[in-house]
């Protein structure tokens, strides 16, 4: 109850904060004004999701729920990409991060490795504790190599930290998880970080705030690329209460980073 009250207050404060900031989300000029035809050759159909040890579960499966619903209307292909074909666990990398010694960490089977991944239209980079690992240089190299080849890069949560570490956010506008905001911003000062944003758009680069914000940001991307009707139908199917204002992340206020 206390947190709910804080969040309601944060929404009110966040709205006023956002109104006075320099960054305001505007739909990119490539956004469609009507629903594309099913066979439109311009649609992004080949979607790749990057996996790495200790990725955040909802960062992947929130957006994938949207993609799976979208696949009922448009023909899409999904690739789950990791450094190897071994199952990728969400388990924290260090025992100290699992102090209750819990065993609640699913494993996901990749469909491809970073060495044999197919050509993509969309690369989605999730966040999680693994984004700070010093042992994922091959993953960083894959992001750097692949980003210029795709139509869209979407990062969720601290996935923007991975993208920044890979060098694809230099001079770009982005946001990230608000609970780890200070450490991320301090370590990646070359990025134009927007604290109050639920998600940001810089050209074809989409970045979202923490965890559940990936759902809002990807729905925003669906609205832009596939049309408002498709996004609305997807939201209704999911029975999800969507945040439609990219500039309003109440957790920026909750976390004190506005």
Protein backbone atom coordinates (compact mmCIF):
# COMPACT_ATOMS: atom_id res chain seq x y z
CA UNK A 1 0.00 0.00 0.00
CA UNK A 2 2.84 2.36 0.91
CA UNK A 3 4.61 1.69 -2.41
CA UNK A 4 1.37 2.17 -4.35
CA UNK A 5 0.92 5.56 -2.71
CA UNK A 6 4.52 6.46 -3.57
CA UNK A 7 4.01 5.41 -7.17
CA UNK A 8 0.82 7.46 -7.56
CA UNK A 9 2.64 10.47 -6.17
CA UNK A 10 5.57 9.77 -8.46
CA UNK A 11 3.31 9.74 -11.50
CA UNK A 12 1.99 13.17 -10.55
CA UNK A 13 5.46 14.55 -9.88
CA UNK A 14 6.90 12.85 -12.94
CA UNK A 15 4.32 14.44 -15.19
CA UNK A 16 5.26 17.90 -14.02
CA UNK A 17 8.97 17.12 -14.24
CA UNK A 18 8.65 15.84 -17.78
CA UNK A 19 6.82 18.95 -18.89
CA UNK A 20 9.86 21.11 -18.23
CA UNK A 21 12.62 18.91 -19.65
CA UNK A 22 14.39 19.34 -22.96
CA UNK A 23 13.76 15.87 -24.34
CA UNK A 24 10.29 15.23 -25.69
CA UNK A 25 9.42 12.10 -27.55
CA UNK A 26 8.11 12.66 -31.03
CA UNK A 27 7.17 9.93 -33.43
CA UNK A 28 9.95 9.32 -35.96
CA UNK A 29 9.13 10.30 -39.52
CA UNK A 30 9.28 6.65 -40.57
CA UNK A 31 6.25 5.76 -38.42
CA UNK A 32 3.31 4.50 -40.46
CA UNK A 33 -0.01 6.31 -40.56
CA UNK A 34 -2.04 3.23 -41.42
CA UNK A 35 -1.80 -0.51 -40.95
CA UNK A 36 0.69 -2.04 -43.42
CA UNK A 37 -0.36 -4.83 -45.77
CA UNK A 38 0.49 -8.36 -44.66
CA UNK A 39 2.89 -8.81 -47.56
CA UNK A 40 4.58 -5.41 -47.28
CA UNK A 41 8.26 -5.94 -48.16
CA UNK A 42 9.38 -3.12 -45.87
CA UNK A 43 8.21 -4.73 -42.63
CA UNK A 44 10.84 -5.97 -40.15
CA UNK A 45 10.14 -9.70 -40.00
CA UNK A 46 13.45 -11.22 -38.82
CA UNK A 47 13.76 -10.60 -35.09
CA UNK A 48 16.74 -11.61 -33.00
CA UNK A 49 16.91 -11.61 -29.21
CA UNK A 50 20.32 -11.69 -27.59
CA UNK A 51 20.80 -14.01 -24.61
CA UNK A 52 23.64 -14.04 -22.09
CA UNK A 53 24.11 -15.47 -18.58
CA UNK A 54 22.06 -13.65 -15.92
CA UNK A 55 19.78 -11.84 -18.37
CA UNK A 56 16.56 -10.43 -16.89
CA UNK A 57 13.61 -12.73 -17.60
CA UNK A 58 10.90 -10.13 -18.28
CA UNK A 59 13.25 -8.10 -20.46
CA UNK A 60 13.07 -10.98 -22.93
CA UNK A 61 9.65 -12.50 -22.42
CA UNK A 62 7.68 -9.27 -22.07
CA UNK A 63 8.66 -8.18 -25.60
CA UNK A 64 8.39 -11.76 -26.86
CA UNK A 65 4.77 -11.90 -25.74
CA UNK A 66 4.14 -8.88 -27.94
CA UNK A 67 6.02 -10.46 -30.84
CA UNK A 68 4.09 -13.71 -30.46
CA UNK A 69 0.78 -11.83 -30.62
CA UNK A 70 2.02 -9.83 -33.60
CA UNK A 71 2.94 -13.08 -35.34
CA UNK A 72 -0.76 -13.91 -35.50
CA UNK A 73 -1.17 -11.01 -37.92
CA UNK A 74 2.19 -10.85 -39.71
CA UNK A 75 4.63 -13.57 -40.71
CA UNK A 76 7.68 -13.22 -38.46
CA UNK A 77 10.83 -15.19 -37.69
CA UNK A 78 12.49 -15.33 -34.28
CA UNK A 79 16.11 -16.15 -33.45
CA UNK A 80 17.41 -16.55 -29.90
CA UNK A 81 21.12 -15.80 -30.09
CA UNK A 82 23.86 -16.57 -27.56
CA UNK A 83 27.61 -17.14 -27.55
CA UNK A 84 27.12 -20.92 -27.57
CA UNK A 85 24.25 -23.36 -28.01
CA UNK A 86 24.30 -24.21 -24.30
CA UNK A 87 21.19 -23.33 -22.27
CA UNK A 88 21.38 -19.75 -21.01
CA UNK A 89 20.39 -19.29 -17.38
CA UNK A 90 18.94 -16.28 -15.61
CA UNK A 91 20.83 -17.35 -12.47
CA UNK A 92 22.96 -14.54 -10.97
CA UNK A 93 26.63 -14.84 -11.85
CA UNK A 94 27.79 -14.70 -8.24
CA UNK A 95 26.55 -16.71 -5.27
CA UNK A 96 26.44 -13.47 -3.27
CA UNK A 97 23.68 -12.28 -5.60
CA UNK A 98 21.60 -15.32 -4.65
CA UNK A 99 21.98 -15.11 -0.90
CA UNK A 100 18.91 -17.26 -0.24
CA UNK A 101 20.36 -20.00 -2.46
CA UNK A 102 17.12 -20.14 -4.43
CA UNK A 103 16.59 -22.34 -7.48
CA UNK A 104 14.07 -20.33 -9.47
CA UNK A 105 16.16 -19.45 -12.50
CA UNK A 106 14.91 -20.75 -15.86
CA UNK A 107 17.23 -21.70 -18.69
CA UNK A 108 16.53 -20.79 -22.30
CA UNK A 109 17.78 -22.72 -25.31
CA UNK A 110 19.29 -20.57 -28.07
CA UNK A 111 18.41 -21.22 -31.69
CA UNK A 112 21.68 -19.77 -32.98
CA UNK A 113 25.07 -18.62 -31.80
CA UNK A 114 26.62 -15.25 -32.47
CA UNK A 115 28.78 -17.06 -35.04
CA UNK A 116 25.97 -18.50 -37.18
CA UNK A 117 23.08 -16.11 -36.49
CA UNK A 118 21.01 -15.25 -39.56
CA UNK A 119 20.56 -11.77 -40.99
CA UNK A 120 18.14 -9.75 -38.86
CA UNK A 121 15.82 -6.80 -39.21
CA UNK A 122 15.55 -6.21 -35.45
CA UNK A 123 18.08 -6.87 -32.69
CA UNK A 124 16.65 -6.83 -29.15
CA UNK A 125 19.16 -6.57 -26.31
CA UNK A 126 17.78 -7.31 -22.83
CA UNK A 127 19.27 -6.25 -19.54
CA UNK A 128 20.03 -8.05 -16.32
CA UNK A 129 22.89 -8.51 -13.89
CA UNK A 130 24.91 -10.14 -16.67
CA UNK A 131 25.27 -6.83 -18.51
CA UNK A 132 28.15 -5.93 -16.18
CA UNK A 133 30.04 -9.17 -16.73
CA UNK A 134 33.66 -8.79 -17.90
CA UNK A 135 33.38 -12.10 -19.75
CA UNK A 136 31.04 -11.22 -22.62
CA UNK A 137 33.40 -9.53 -25.05
CA UNK A 138 32.21 -11.78 -27.87
CA UNK A 139 28.64 -10.65 -27.22
CA UNK A 140 29.72 -7.01 -27.26
CA UNK A 141 31.53 -7.57 -30.55
CA UNK A 142 28.40 -9.14 -32.01
CA UNK A 143 26.29 -6.13 -31.00
CA UNK A 144 28.80 -3.73 -32.54
CA UNK A 145 28.97 -5.73 -35.77
CA UNK A 146 25.22 -6.35 -36.08
CA UNK A 147 23.79 -2.95 -35.12
CA UNK A 148 24.65 -1.23 -38.44
CA UNK A 149 23.17 -4.15 -40.38
CA UNK A 150 19.66 -4.18 -38.88
CA UNK A 151 16.70 -1.87 -39.35
CA UNK A 152 16.12 -1.43 -35.61
CA UNK A 153 18.02 -1.94 -32.38
CA UNK A 154 15.86 -2.18 -29.25
CA UNK A 155 17.40 -2.32 -25.79
CA UNK A 156 15.44 -3.12 -22.65
CA UNK A 157 16.46 -2.08 -19.16
CA UNK A 158 20.25 -2.30 -18.68
CA UNK A 159 20.54 -3.73 -22.16
CA UNK A 160 21.44 -0.13 -22.99
CA UNK A 161 24.55 -0.61 -20.84
CA UNK A 162 25.57 -3.49 -23.09
CA UNK A 163 24.89 -1.37 -26.15
CA UNK A 164 26.94 1.46 -24.66
CA UNK A 165 29.78 -0.91 -23.82
CA UNK A 166 29.66 -2.13 -27.41
CA UNK A 167 30.10 1.46 -28.60
CA UNK A 168 26.83 1.88 -30.48
CA UNK A 169 25.37 4.56 -28.16
CA UNK A 170 28.15 7.13 -28.45
CA UNK A 171 26.48 10.53 -28.78
CA UNK A 172 23.02 8.93 -28.92
CA UNK A 173 19.96 9.54 -26.76
CA UNK A 174 19.04 6.62 -24.49
CA UNK A 175 17.57 5.60 -21.16
CA UNK A 176 18.06 2.65 -18.84
CA UNK A 177 17.02 1.00 -15.59
CA UNK A 178 16.44 3.68 -12.96
CA UNK A 179 17.64 1.62 -9.99
CA UNK A 180 21.08 1.24 -11.56
CA UNK A 181 20.96 4.70 -13.14
CA UNK A 182 23.87 6.35 -11.36
CA UNK A 183 26.41 3.60 -11.98
CA UNK A 184 25.41 3.24 -15.63
CA UNK A 185 25.52 6.96 -16.36
CA UNK A 186 28.84 7.35 -14.56
CA UNK A 187 30.44 4.48 -16.47
CA UNK A 188 29.08 5.58 -19.87
CA UNK A 189 29.27 9.40 -20.00
CA UNK A 190 29.44 9.41 -23.81
CA UNK A 191 25.69 8.70 -23.98
CA UNK A 192 22.95 11.35 -23.77
CA UNK A 193 20.99 9.70 -20.94
CA UNK A 194 17.39 10.82 -20.39
CA UNK A 195 16.37 10.14 -16.76
CA UNK A 196 12.59 10.64 -16.95
CA UNK A 197 11.99 8.62 -20.13
CA UNK A 198 10.01 5.40 -20.11
CA UNK A 199 11.60 4.83 -23.50
CA UNK A 200 13.55 6.87 -26.02
CA UNK A 201 13.88 6.89 -29.78
CA UNK A 202 16.99 8.10 -31.59
CA UNK A 203 16.61 7.33 -35.26
CA UNK A 204 16.10 3.58 -35.44
CA UNK A 205 17.53 3.04 -31.96
CA UNK A 206 14.90 2.38 -29.28
CA UNK A 207 15.87 2.09 -25.61
CA UNK A 208 13.63 1.50 -22.62
CA UNK A 209 13.77 1.96 -18.89
CA UNK A 210 13.79 -0.91 -16.41
CA UNK A 211 12.31 -4.38 -16.93
CA UNK A 212 8.55 -3.86 -17.43
CA UNK A 213 9.25 -0.72 -19.48
CA UNK A 214 10.33 -3.06 -22.25
CA UNK A 215 6.67 -3.92 -22.78
CA UNK A 216 5.70 -0.26 -23.12
CA UNK A 217 8.62 0.56 -25.38
CA UNK A 218 8.09 -2.39 -27.70
CA UNK A 219 4.38 -1.59 -27.91
CA UNK A 220 5.43 1.94 -28.87
CA UNK A 221 7.67 0.46 -31.55
CA UNK A 222 4.81 -1.75 -32.80
CA UNK A 223 2.55 1.29 -33.02
CA UNK A 224 5.19 3.15 -35.01
CA UNK A 225 6.08 0.33 -37.42
CA UNK A 226 2.87 -1.72 -37.67
CA UNK A 227 0.30 0.95 -36.87
CA UNK A 228 -1.87 2.18 -34.02
CA UNK A 229 -4.61 -0.39 -34.66
CA UNK A 230 -2.18 -3.30 -34.40
CA UNK A 231 -0.65 -1.93 -31.20
CA UNK A 232 -4.09 -1.38 -29.67
CA UNK A 233 -5.27 -4.88 -30.60
CA UNK A 234 -2.09 -6.37 -29.16
CA UNK A 235 -2.53 -4.46 -25.91
CA UNK A 236 -6.15 -5.57 -25.59
CA UNK A 237 -5.23 -9.20 -26.29
CA UNK A 238 -2.61 -9.03 -23.54
CA UNK A 239 -5.04 -7.24 -21.19
CA UNK A 240 -2.21 -4.86 -20.44
CA UNK A 241 -2.52 -1.30 -19.10
CA UNK A 242 -0.03 0.38 -21.36
CA UNK A 243 1.96 3.53 -20.63
CA UNK A 244 1.69 5.52 -23.87
CA UNK A 245 3.78 8.53 -22.82
CA UNK A 246 7.42 7.81 -23.57
CA UNK A 247 8.48 10.76 -21.41
CA UNK A 248 6.73 9.54 -18.26
CA UNK A 249 8.59 7.01 -16.16
CA UNK A 250 7.36 7.29 -12.56
CA UNK A 251 10.23 5.11 -11.41
CA UNK A 252 12.62 7.94 -12.22
CA UNK A 253 11.01 9.83 -9.36
CA UNK A 254 10.82 6.76 -7.12
CA UNK A 255 14.54 6.16 -7.69
CA UNK A 256 15.39 9.85 -7.36
CA UNK A 257 17.06 10.26 -10.76
CA UNK A 258 14.81 12.89 -12.34
